[in-house]
Amino acid sequence: MIKTGGENVYSVEVEGAINSLPYVTDSAVVGVPHKEWGEMVVAFVVLREGRGDVRQETIREDLKRALPSFKVPKEVVFVRSLPKSELGKVQKQMLRENYAKGVH
């Protein structure tokens, strides 16, 4: 769960909305520290092949139709793949650490 601006955001709900977009293959949503809101919602998104034309704003606008504004990621980071454990679980801590380091 991500706590942002006094609201609770469940990453699985946001991931479901992102993954339902026709141009997305996979996603992971994490909270990263934010001075004003406590945490900020950040989405890591893998686009379908050939959809490199999709921009962060496109995803945010599409999500505003499905989610309350406080659940829409403040930032969308495009990645080629998500780091996963041997069991196939997304390693969200690694995503948070890489985001903090500026490595995407």
C-alpha atoms as a PDB file:
ATOM      1  CA  MET A   1       0.000   0.000   0.000  1.00  0.00           C
ATOM      2  CA  ILE A   2       1.161   3.505  -0.872  1.00  0.00           C
ATOM      3  CA  LYS A   3       0.222   6.441   1.355  1.00  0.00           C
ATOM      4  CA  THR A   4       0.076   9.670  -0.601  1.00  0.00           C
ATOM      5  CA  GLY A   5      -1.393  12.912   0.649  1.00  0.00           C
ATOM      6  CA  GLY A   6      -3.363  11.108   3.363  1.00  0.00           C
ATOM      7  CA  GLU A   7      -4.910   8.649   0.875  1.00  0.00           C
ATOM      8  CA  ASN A   8      -4.220   4.936   0.526  1.00  0.00           C
ATOM      9  CA  VAL A   9      -3.366   3.612  -2.914  1.00  0.00           C
ATOM     10  CA  TYR A  10      -3.153  -0.113  -3.580  1.00  0.00           C
ATOM     11  CA  SER A  11      -0.557  -0.838  -6.230  1.00  0.00           C
ATOM     12  CA  VAL A  12      -2.433  -3.905  -7.507  1.00  0.00           C
ATOM     13  CA  GLU A  13      -5.448  -1.717  -8.391  1.00  0.00           C
ATOM     14  CA  VAL A  14      -3.330   0.775 -10.331  1.00  0.00           C
ATOM     15  CA  GLU A  15      -1.377  -2.023 -12.023  1.00  0.00           C
ATOM     16  CA  GLY A  16      -4.653  -3.613 -13.128  1.00  0.00           C
ATOM     17  CA  ALA A  17      -5.775  -0.341 -14.710  1.00  0.00           C
ATOM     18  CA  ILE A  18      -2.427   0.133 -16.449  1.00  0.00           C
ATOM     19  CA  ASN A  19      -2.266  -3.466 -17.678  1.00  0.00           C
ATOM     20  CA  SER A  20      -5.738  -3.103 -19.190  1.00  0.00           C
ATOM     21  CA  LEU A  21      -4.456  -0.436 -21.582  1.00  0.00           C
ATOM     22  CA  PRO A  22      -4.077  -1.945 -25.063  1.00  0.00           C
ATOM     23  CA  TYR A  23      -0.519  -0.701 -25.547  1.00  0.00           C
ATOM     24  CA  VAL A  24       0.890  -2.074 -22.239  1.00  0.00           C
ATOM     25  CA  THR A  25       2.439  -5.501 -21.693  1.00  0.00           C
ATOM     26  CA  ASP A  26       3.294  -5.277 -17.991  1.00  0.00           C
ATOM     27  CA  SER A  27       3.622  -2.793 -15.153  1.00  0.00           C
ATOM     28  CA  ALA A  28       4.626  -2.360 -11.534  1.00  0.00           C
ATOM     29  CA  VAL A  29       3.541   0.471  -9.248  1.00  0.00           C
ATOM     30  CA  VAL A  30       5.523   1.599  -6.215  1.00  0.00           C
ATOM     31  CA  GLY A  31       5.556   4.434  -3.732  1.00  0.00           C
ATOM     32  CA  VAL A  32       8.676   6.555  -3.491  1.00  0.00           C
ATOM     33  CA  PRO A  33       9.386   9.096  -0.755  1.00  0.00           C
ATOM     34  CA  HIS A  34       8.038  12.583  -1.435  1.00  0.00           C
ATOM     35  CA  LYS A  35       8.594  15.631   0.744  1.00  0.00           C
ATOM     36  CA  GLU A  36       5.065  17.046   0.395  1.00  0.00           C
ATOM     37  CA  TRP A  37       2.842  13.943  -0.001  1.00  0.00           C
ATOM     38  CA  GLY A  38       4.716  11.361   2.062  1.00  0.00           C
ATOM     39  CA  GLU A  39       4.928   9.039  -0.921  1.00  0.00           C
ATOM     40  CA  MET A  40       4.473   9.542  -4.643  1.00  0.00           C
ATOM     41  CA  VAL A  41       2.882   6.942  -6.930  1.00  0.00           C
ATOM     42  CA  VAL A  42       5.325   5.871  -9.660  1.00  0.00           C
ATOM     43  CA  ALA A  43       4.561   3.348 -12.401  1.00  0.00           C
ATOM     44  CA  PHE A  44       7.134   1.304 -14.287  1.00  0.00           C
ATOM     45  CA  VAL A  45       5.626   0.311 -17.620  1.00  0.00           C
ATOM     46  CA  VAL A  46       6.609  -2.163 -20.327  1.00  0.00           C
ATOM     47  CA  LEU A  47       5.035  -1.187 -23.646  1.00  0.00           C
ATOM     48  CA  ARG A  48       3.925  -3.610 -26.345  1.00  0.00           C
ATOM     49  CA  GLU A  49       6.422  -4.006 -29.143  1.00  0.00           C
ATOM     50  CA  GLY A  50       6.113  -1.247 -31.700  1.00  0.00           C
ATOM     51  CA  ARG A  51       4.380   1.170 -29.308  1.00  0.00           C
ATOM     52  CA  GLY A  52       7.360   3.349 -28.482  1.00  0.00           C
ATOM     53  CA  ASP A  53       5.237   6.342 -29.486  1.00  0.00           C
ATOM     54  CA  VAL A  54       3.231   6.202 -26.237  1.00  0.00           C
ATOM     55  CA  ARG A  55       4.141   8.994 -23.838  1.00  0.00           C
ATOM     56  CA  GLN A  56       3.821   9.410 -20.091  1.00  0.00           C
ATOM     57  CA  GLU A  57       0.981  11.904 -20.591  1.00  0.00           C
ATOM     58  CA  THR A  58      -0.960   9.392 -22.705  1.00  0.00           C
ATOM     59  CA  ILE A  59      -0.943   6.834 -19.910  1.00  0.00           C
ATOM     60  CA  ARG A  60      -1.830   9.399 -17.254  1.00  0.00           C
ATOM     61  CA  GLU A  61      -4.750  10.750 -19.311  1.00  0.00           C
ATOM     62  CA  ASP A  62      -6.074   7.240 -20.024  1.00  0.00           C
ATOM     63  CA  LEU A  63      -5.847   6.336 -16.333  1.00  0.00           C
ATOM     64  CA  LYS A  64      -7.759   9.453 -15.288  1.00  0.00           C
ATOM     65  CA  ARG A  65     -10.804   7.864 -16.947  1.00  0.00           C
ATOM     66  CA  ALA A  66     -10.489   4.750 -14.769  1.00  0.00           C
ATOM     67  CA  LEU A  67      -9.021   5.936 -11.468  1.00  0.00           C
ATOM     68  CA  PRO A  68      -9.422   8.835  -9.033  1.00  0.00           C
ATOM     69  CA  SER A  69      -6.747  11.460  -9.650  1.00  0.00           C
ATOM     70  CA  PHE A  70      -4.816  10.671  -6.448  1.00  0.00           C
ATOM     71  CA  LYS A  71      -4.269   7.094  -7.707  1.00  0.00           C
ATOM     72  CA  VAL A  72      -2.941   8.134 -11.111  1.00  0.00           C
ATOM     73  CA  PRO A  73       0.869   7.828 -11.090  1.00  0.00           C
ATOM     74  CA  LYS A  74       2.641  11.160 -10.851  1.00  0.00           C
ATOM     75  CA  GLU A  75       5.437   9.690 -12.917  1.00  0.00           C
ATOM     76  CA  VAL A  76       5.566   6.917 -15.489  1.00  0.00           C
ATOM     77  CA  VAL A  77       8.927   5.283 -16.198  1.00  0.00           C
ATOM     78  CA  PHE A  78       9.213   3.196 -19.353  1.00  0.00           C
ATOM     79  CA  VAL A  79      11.338   0.068 -18.989  1.00  0.00           C
ATOM     80  CA  ARG A  80      12.147  -2.844 -21.306  1.00  0.00           C
ATOM     81  CA  SER A  81      11.383  -5.387 -18.592  1.00  0.00           C
ATOM     82  CA  LEU A  82      10.633  -5.584 -14.894  1.00  0.00           C
ATOM     83  CA  PRO A  83      13.115  -7.188 -12.485  1.00  0.00           C
ATOM     84  CA  LYS A  84      11.650 -10.475 -11.280  1.00  0.00           C
ATOM     85  CA  SER A  85      12.685 -13.116  -8.783  1.00  0.00           C
ATOM     86  CA  GLU A  86      13.260 -16.731  -9.751  1.00  0.00           C
ATOM     87  CA  LEU A  87       9.599 -17.318  -8.888  1.00  0.00           C
ATOM     88  CA  GLY A  88       8.468 -14.577 -11.280  1.00  0.00           C
ATOM     89  CA  LYS A  89       7.523 -12.000  -8.649  1.00  0.00           C
ATOM     90  CA  VAL A  90       8.349  -8.373  -9.480  1.00  0.00           C
ATOM     91  CA  GLN A  91      11.131  -7.064  -7.252  1.00  0.00           C
ATOM     92  CA  LYS A  92       9.592  -3.740  -6.279  1.00  0.00           C
ATOM     93  CA  GLN A  93      12.329  -2.893  -3.795  1.00  0.00           C
ATOM     94  CA  MET A  94      14.828  -3.013  -6.661  1.00  0.00           C
ATOM     95  CA  LEU A  95      12.613  -0.632  -8.659  1.00  0.00           C
ATOM     96  CA  ARG A  96      12.480   1.801  -5.704  1.00  0.00           C
ATOM     97  CA  GLU A  97      16.249   1.647  -5.251  1.00  0.00           C
ATOM     98  CA  ASN A  98      16.943   2.171  -8.951  1.00  0.00           C
ATOM     99  CA  TYR A  99      14.489   5.070  -9.065  1.00  0.00           C
ATOM    100  CA  ALA A 100      16.254   6.719  -6.105  1.00  0.00           C
ATOM    101  CA  LYS A 101      19.577   6.315  -7.900  1.00  0.00           C
ATOM    102  CA  GLY A 102      18.145   7.667 -11.152  1.00  0.00           C
ATOM    103  CA  VAL A 103      18.674   4.306 -12.861  1.00  0.00           C
ATOM    104  CA  HIS A 104      15.667   3.206 -14.914  1.00  0.00           C
END
